[in-house]
Amino acid sequence: MEILHLPRRAGKTTRAIIKAADEGLYIVCDTPAEATRVFQQAKEMGLNIPFPITTDDLLQRRFHGRGIRGLIIDNAEQLLQRIAYGVEVRMITLTGPASDKGPKISRM
């Protein structure tokens, strides 16, 4: 799993669209409006991506997993807040390769 951690408006969604187009992955967006916006952005970039899945689609399993090679979660913090039913998520941990430099802690 890759983690892309950049500030707002730094190209995260653009990079997600490129990866989705290159690898045939589905992007998960928070709302239907955001899914439409991302799909339109991909078209404007001249890239073909599957129409994005919404957070609700994902949580309620309203998609067919057999044909999906993988997911890209755009703005994962919104998905986590939704899972937590509005309770503030104060920290997350992720498993990754060991580092001799100690833990990396990012503040959001």
N, C-alpha and C. Protein backbone atom coordinates (compact mmCIF):
# COMPACT_ATOMS: atom_id res chain seq x y z
N MET A 1 0.85 -1.18 0.00
CA MET A 1 0.00 0.00 0.00
C MET A 1 0.89 1.24 0.00
N GLU A 2 0.54 2.17 -0.85
CA GLU A 2 1.23 3.46 -0.88
C GLU A 2 0.44 4.46 -0.06
N ILE A 3 1.14 5.39 0.56
CA ILE A 3 0.49 6.48 1.29
C ILE A 3 1.01 7.78 0.69
N LEU A 4 0.10 8.59 0.20
CA LEU A 4 0.45 9.89 -0.36
C LEU A 4 -0.07 10.95 0.59
N HIS A 5 0.84 11.64 1.26
CA HIS A 5 0.47 12.63 2.27
C HIS A 5 1.01 13.99 1.81
N LEU A 6 0.12 14.82 1.29
CA LEU A 6 0.48 16.15 0.79
C LEU A 6 -0.56 17.15 1.28
N PRO A 7 -0.21 18.43 1.29
CA PRO A 7 -1.19 19.45 1.69
C PRO A 7 -2.34 19.55 0.69
N ARG A 8 -3.38 20.27 1.11
CA ARG A 8 -4.52 20.52 0.22
C ARG A 8 -4.04 21.17 -1.07
N ARG A 9 -4.67 20.78 -2.17
CA ARG A 9 -4.43 21.36 -3.49
C ARG A 9 -2.99 21.17 -3.97
N ALA A 10 -2.38 20.05 -3.56
CA ALA A 10 -1.00 19.77 -3.97
C ALA A 10 -0.93 18.66 -5.01
N GLY A 11 -2.08 18.20 -5.52
CA GLY A 11 -2.08 17.21 -6.59
C GLY A 11 -2.35 15.78 -6.19
N LYS A 12 -2.89 15.56 -5.00
CA LYS A 12 -3.17 14.19 -4.55
C LYS A 12 -4.18 13.50 -5.47
N THR A 13 -5.28 14.18 -5.76
CA THR A 13 -6.31 13.57 -6.60
C THR A 13 -5.80 13.36 -8.02
N THR A 14 -5.04 14.30 -8.52
CA THR A 14 -4.45 14.15 -9.86
C THR A 14 -3.58 12.90 -9.92
N ARG A 15 -2.76 12.70 -8.91
CA ARG A 15 -1.90 11.51 -8.86
C ARG A 15 -2.74 10.25 -8.72
N ALA A 16 -3.82 10.33 -7.95
CA ALA A 16 -4.72 9.17 -7.80
C ALA A 16 -5.35 8.81 -9.15
N ILE A 17 -5.75 9.82 -9.90
CA ILE A 17 -6.36 9.59 -11.22
C ILE A 17 -5.35 8.92 -12.15
N ILE A 18 -4.12 9.40 -12.16
CA ILE A 18 -3.09 8.81 -13.03
C ILE A 18 -2.85 7.35 -12.66
N LYS A 19 -2.75 7.07 -11.37
CA LYS A 19 -2.54 5.68 -10.93
C LYS A 19 -3.75 4.81 -11.28
N ALA A 20 -4.95 5.35 -11.08
CA ALA A 20 -6.17 4.60 -11.41
C ALA A 20 -6.20 4.27 -12.90
N ALA A 21 -5.84 5.23 -13.73
CA ALA A 21 -5.83 5.00 -15.18
C ALA A 21 -4.75 3.99 -15.58
N ASP A 22 -3.58 4.11 -14.99
CA ASP A 22 -2.47 3.20 -15.32
C ASP A 22 -2.74 1.76 -14.90
N GLU A 23 -3.40 1.59 -13.74
CA GLU A 23 -3.52 0.25 -13.17
C GLU A 23 -4.95 -0.30 -13.15
N GLY A 24 -5.90 0.47 -13.68
CA GLY A 24 -7.30 0.00 -13.71
C GLY A 24 -7.92 -0.08 -12.32
N LEU A 25 -7.58 0.85 -11.46
CA LEU A 25 -8.08 0.87 -10.08
C LEU A 25 -9.28 1.78 -9.94
N TYR A 26 -10.11 1.51 -8.94
CA TYR A 26 -11.24 2.37 -8.63
C TYR A 26 -10.85 3.36 -7.55
N ILE A 27 -11.29 4.60 -7.70
CA ILE A 27 -11.08 5.63 -6.69
C ILE A 27 -12.33 5.67 -5.82
N VAL A 28 -12.13 5.78 -4.51
CA VAL A 28 -13.24 5.94 -3.57
C VAL A 28 -13.28 7.41 -3.18
N CYS A 29 -14.44 8.06 -3.43
CA CYS A 29 -14.65 9.46 -3.09
C CYS A 29 -15.73 9.58 -2.02
N ASP A 30 -15.70 10.67 -1.28
CA ASP A 30 -16.63 10.83 -0.16
C ASP A 30 -18.09 10.93 -0.59
N THR A 31 -18.36 11.68 -1.65
CA THR A 31 -19.75 11.94 -2.04
C THR A 31 -19.95 11.67 -3.53
N PRO A 32 -21.21 11.51 -3.96
CA PRO A 32 -21.47 11.37 -5.39
C PRO A 32 -20.98 12.58 -6.20
N ALA A 33 -21.13 13.77 -5.64
CA ALA A 33 -20.66 14.97 -6.35
C ALA A 33 -19.15 14.95 -6.54
N GLU A 34 -18.44 14.49 -5.52
CA GLU A 34 -16.99 14.39 -5.62
C GLU A 34 -16.61 13.31 -6.63
N ALA A 35 -17.33 12.21 -6.66
CA ALA A 35 -17.07 11.14 -7.63
C ALA A 35 -17.24 11.67 -9.06
N THR A 36 -18.29 12.44 -9.28
CA THR A 36 -18.53 13.03 -10.60
C THR A 36 -17.40 14.00 -10.96
N ARG A 37 -16.98 14.82 -9.99
CA ARG A 37 -15.90 15.79 -10.23
C ARG A 37 -14.60 15.08 -10.60
N VAL A 38 -14.26 14.01 -9.88
CA VAL A 38 -13.04 13.26 -10.16
C VAL A 38 -13.12 12.61 -11.53
N PHE A 39 -14.26 12.04 -11.87
CA PHE A 39 -14.45 11.41 -13.18
C PHE A 39 -14.28 12.45 -14.30
N GLN A 40 -14.86 13.63 -14.10
CA GLN A 40 -14.74 14.72 -15.08
C GLN A 40 -13.29 15.17 -15.21
N GLN A 41 -12.60 15.27 -14.07
CA GLN A 41 -11.20 15.69 -14.10
C GLN A 41 -10.37 14.69 -14.91
N ALA A 42 -10.63 13.41 -14.73
CA ALA A 42 -9.91 12.38 -15.49
C ALA A 42 -10.16 12.56 -16.99
N LYS A 43 -11.42 12.80 -17.35
CA LYS A 43 -11.74 13.02 -18.77
C LYS A 43 -10.99 14.22 -19.32
N GLU A 44 -10.95 15.31 -18.54
CA GLU A 44 -10.23 16.52 -18.97
C GLU A 44 -8.74 16.26 -19.11
N MET A 45 -8.22 15.32 -18.34
CA MET A 45 -6.81 14.95 -18.42
C MET A 45 -6.56 13.96 -19.57
N GLY A 46 -7.65 13.52 -20.23
CA GLY A 46 -7.53 12.56 -21.31
C GLY A 46 -7.29 11.13 -20.82
N LEU A 47 -7.70 10.85 -19.59
CA LEU A 47 -7.49 9.53 -19.01
C LEU A 47 -8.82 8.83 -18.77
N ASN A 48 -8.80 7.52 -18.94
CA ASN A 48 -9.99 6.70 -18.68
C ASN A 48 -9.84 6.00 -17.34
N ILE A 49 -10.82 6.23 -16.47
CA ILE A 49 -10.87 5.54 -15.18
C ILE A 49 -12.29 5.01 -15.00
N PRO A 50 -12.43 3.97 -14.19
CA PRO A 50 -13.78 3.53 -13.85
C PRO A 50 -14.47 4.64 -13.05
N PHE A 51 -15.80 4.72 -13.15
CA PHE A 51 -16.49 5.75 -12.38
C PHE A 51 -16.25 5.47 -10.89
N PRO A 52 -15.83 6.48 -10.12
CA PRO A 52 -15.48 6.27 -8.71
C PRO A 52 -16.63 5.71 -7.87
N ILE A 53 -16.24 5.01 -6.83
CA ILE A 53 -17.15 4.47 -5.83
C ILE A 53 -17.25 5.51 -4.72
N THR A 54 -18.42 5.68 -4.13
CA THR A 54 -18.53 6.61 -3.01
C THR A 54 -18.26 5.89 -1.68
N THR A 55 -18.00 6.68 -0.66
CA THR A 55 -17.81 6.13 0.68
C THR A 55 -19.01 5.29 1.09
N ASP A 56 -20.22 5.79 0.83
CA ASP A 56 -21.41 5.03 1.17
C ASP A 56 -21.47 3.71 0.41
N ASP A 57 -21.11 3.73 -0.89
CA ASP A 57 -21.07 2.49 -1.67
C ASP A 57 -20.12 1.48 -1.03
N LEU A 58 -18.97 1.97 -0.61
CA LEU A 58 -17.97 1.10 0.00
C LEU A 58 -18.48 0.54 1.33
N LEU A 59 -18.98 1.41 2.19
CA LEU A 59 -19.41 0.96 3.52
C LEU A 59 -20.62 0.05 3.46
N GLN A 60 -21.48 0.26 2.47
CA GLN A 60 -22.68 -0.56 2.35
C GLN A 60 -22.51 -1.69 1.33
N ARG A 61 -21.29 -1.86 0.85
CA ARG A 61 -20.93 -2.92 -0.09
C ARG A 61 -21.80 -2.91 -1.35
N ARG A 62 -22.04 -1.71 -1.88
CA ARG A 62 -22.82 -1.57 -3.10
C ARG A 62 -21.90 -1.50 -4.32
N PHE A 63 -21.05 -2.47 -4.44
CA PHE A 63 -20.18 -2.57 -5.61
C PHE A 63 -19.86 -4.05 -5.80
N HIS A 64 -19.40 -4.39 -6.98
CA HIS A 64 -19.09 -5.79 -7.30
C HIS A 64 -17.58 -5.98 -7.26
N GLY A 65 -17.09 -6.59 -6.21
CA GLY A 65 -15.66 -6.73 -5.99
C GLY A 65 -14.91 -7.62 -6.96
N ARG A 66 -15.61 -8.48 -7.65
CA ARG A 66 -14.93 -9.43 -8.54
C ARG A 66 -14.11 -8.74 -9.62
N GLY A 67 -14.62 -7.69 -10.19
CA GLY A 67 -13.92 -7.03 -11.28
C GLY A 67 -12.99 -5.91 -10.82
N ILE A 68 -12.88 -5.70 -9.53
CA ILE A 68 -12.07 -4.59 -9.02
C ILE A 68 -10.69 -5.11 -8.65
N ARG A 69 -9.67 -4.52 -9.26
CA ARG A 69 -8.29 -4.93 -9.03
C ARG A 69 -7.71 -4.29 -7.79
N GLY A 70 -8.27 -3.17 -7.37
CA GLY A 70 -7.78 -2.47 -6.20
C GLY A 70 -8.47 -1.13 -6.06
N LEU A 71 -8.30 -0.53 -4.89
CA LEU A 71 -8.93 0.75 -4.59
C LEU A 71 -7.90 1.81 -4.25
N ILE A 72 -8.24 3.03 -4.57
CA ILE A 72 -7.49 4.21 -4.13
C ILE A 72 -8.47 5.02 -3.29
N ILE A 73 -8.17 5.23 -2.04
CA ILE A 73 -9.04 6.02 -1.17
C ILE A 73 -8.58 7.47 -1.25
N ASP A 74 -9.38 8.33 -1.87
CA ASP A 74 -9.06 9.75 -1.97
C ASP A 74 -9.58 10.43 -0.71
N ASN A 75 -8.72 11.20 -0.07
CA ASN A 75 -9.07 11.89 1.18
C ASN A 75 -9.52 10.88 2.25
N ALA A 76 -8.63 9.98 2.59
CA ALA A 76 -8.94 8.90 3.53
C ALA A 76 -9.44 9.40 4.88
N GLU A 77 -9.03 10.59 5.28
CA GLU A 77 -9.49 11.12 6.58
C GLU A 77 -11.01 11.28 6.60
N GLN A 78 -11.61 11.59 5.46
CA GLN A 78 -13.07 11.70 5.40
C GLN A 78 -13.73 10.33 5.59
N LEU A 79 -13.15 9.30 5.00
CA LEU A 79 -13.67 7.95 5.17
C LEU A 79 -13.55 7.52 6.63
N LEU A 80 -12.43 7.80 7.25
CA LEU A 80 -12.25 7.43 8.66
C LEU A 80 -13.24 8.16 9.56
N GLN A 81 -13.49 9.42 9.30
CA GLN A 81 -14.46 10.17 10.10
C GLN A 81 -15.85 9.58 9.93
N ARG A 82 -16.17 9.15 8.72
CA ARG A 82 -17.48 8.56 8.46
C ARG A 82 -17.62 7.24 9.22
N ILE A 83 -16.56 6.43 9.21
CA ILE A 83 -16.58 5.16 9.93
C ILE A 83 -16.75 5.40 11.43
N ALA A 84 -16.17 6.48 11.92
CA ALA A 84 -16.22 6.81 13.36
C ALA A 84 -17.50 7.56 13.72
N TYR A 85 -18.41 7.70 12.77
CA TYR A 85 -19.70 8.37 13.00
C TYR A 85 -19.54 9.75 13.62
N GLY A 86 -18.59 10.52 13.08
CA GLY A 86 -18.44 11.90 13.50
C GLY A 86 -17.56 12.12 14.71
N VAL A 87 -17.16 11.05 15.40
CA VAL A 87 -16.25 11.20 16.53
C VAL A 87 -14.87 11.49 15.95
N GLU A 88 -14.18 12.48 16.49
CA GLU A 88 -12.88 12.88 15.96
C GLU A 88 -11.88 11.73 16.03
N VAL A 89 -11.25 11.42 14.90
CA VAL A 89 -10.18 10.44 14.86
C VAL A 89 -8.90 11.19 15.19
N ARG A 90 -8.29 10.85 16.31
CA ARG A 90 -7.12 11.59 16.80
C ARG A 90 -5.79 11.02 16.33
N MET A 91 -5.77 9.73 16.00
CA MET A 91 -4.53 9.11 15.53
C MET A 91 -4.89 7.85 14.76
N ILE A 92 -4.08 7.54 13.77
CA ILE A 92 -4.18 6.25 13.09
C ILE A 92 -2.78 5.65 13.08
N THR A 93 -2.69 4.35 13.01
CA THR A 93 -1.41 3.68 12.84
C THR A 93 -1.47 2.90 11.55
N LEU A 94 -0.34 2.78 10.90
CA LEU A 94 -0.25 2.05 9.65
C LEU A 94 0.94 1.11 9.73
N THR A 95 0.80 -0.06 9.19
CA THR A 95 1.90 -1.01 9.15
C THR A 95 2.66 -0.81 7.85
N GLY A 96 3.95 -0.73 7.96
CA GLY A 96 4.78 -0.55 6.78
C GLY A 96 6.15 -1.14 7.01
N PRO A 97 7.07 -0.90 6.09
CA PRO A 97 8.41 -1.46 6.24
C PRO A 97 9.11 -0.87 7.46
N ALA A 98 9.96 -1.68 8.07
CA ALA A 98 10.72 -1.22 9.23
C ALA A 98 11.69 -0.12 8.83
N SER A 99 11.93 0.79 9.73
CA SER A 99 12.85 1.89 9.46
C SER A 99 13.79 2.03 10.65
N ASP A 100 15.06 2.24 10.35
CA ASP A 100 16.01 2.45 11.44
C ASP A 100 16.01 3.88 11.94
N LYS A 101 15.17 4.73 11.34
CA LYS A 101 15.10 6.13 11.72
C LYS A 101 14.01 6.38 12.77
N GLY A 102 13.36 5.35 13.22
CA GLY A 102 12.29 5.52 14.19
C GLY A 102 10.96 5.81 13.51
N PRO A 103 9.90 5.95 14.31
CA PRO A 103 8.59 6.17 13.72
C PRO A 103 8.46 7.53 13.07
N LYS A 104 7.67 7.57 12.01
CA LYS A 104 7.36 8.83 11.36
C LYS A 104 5.95 9.22 11.80
N ILE A 105 5.82 10.37 12.42
CA ILE A 105 4.53 10.85 12.87
C ILE A 105 4.20 12.12 12.11
N SER A 106 3.08 12.10 11.41
CA SER A 106 2.62 13.27 10.65
C SER A 106 1.45 13.87 11.37
N ARG A 107 1.39 15.15 11.47
CA ARG A 107 0.26 15.87 12.07
C ARG A 107 -0.63 16.37 10.96
N MET A 108 -1.93 16.20 11.12
CA MET A 108 -2.89 16.68 10.12
C MET A 108 -3.78 17.71 10.76
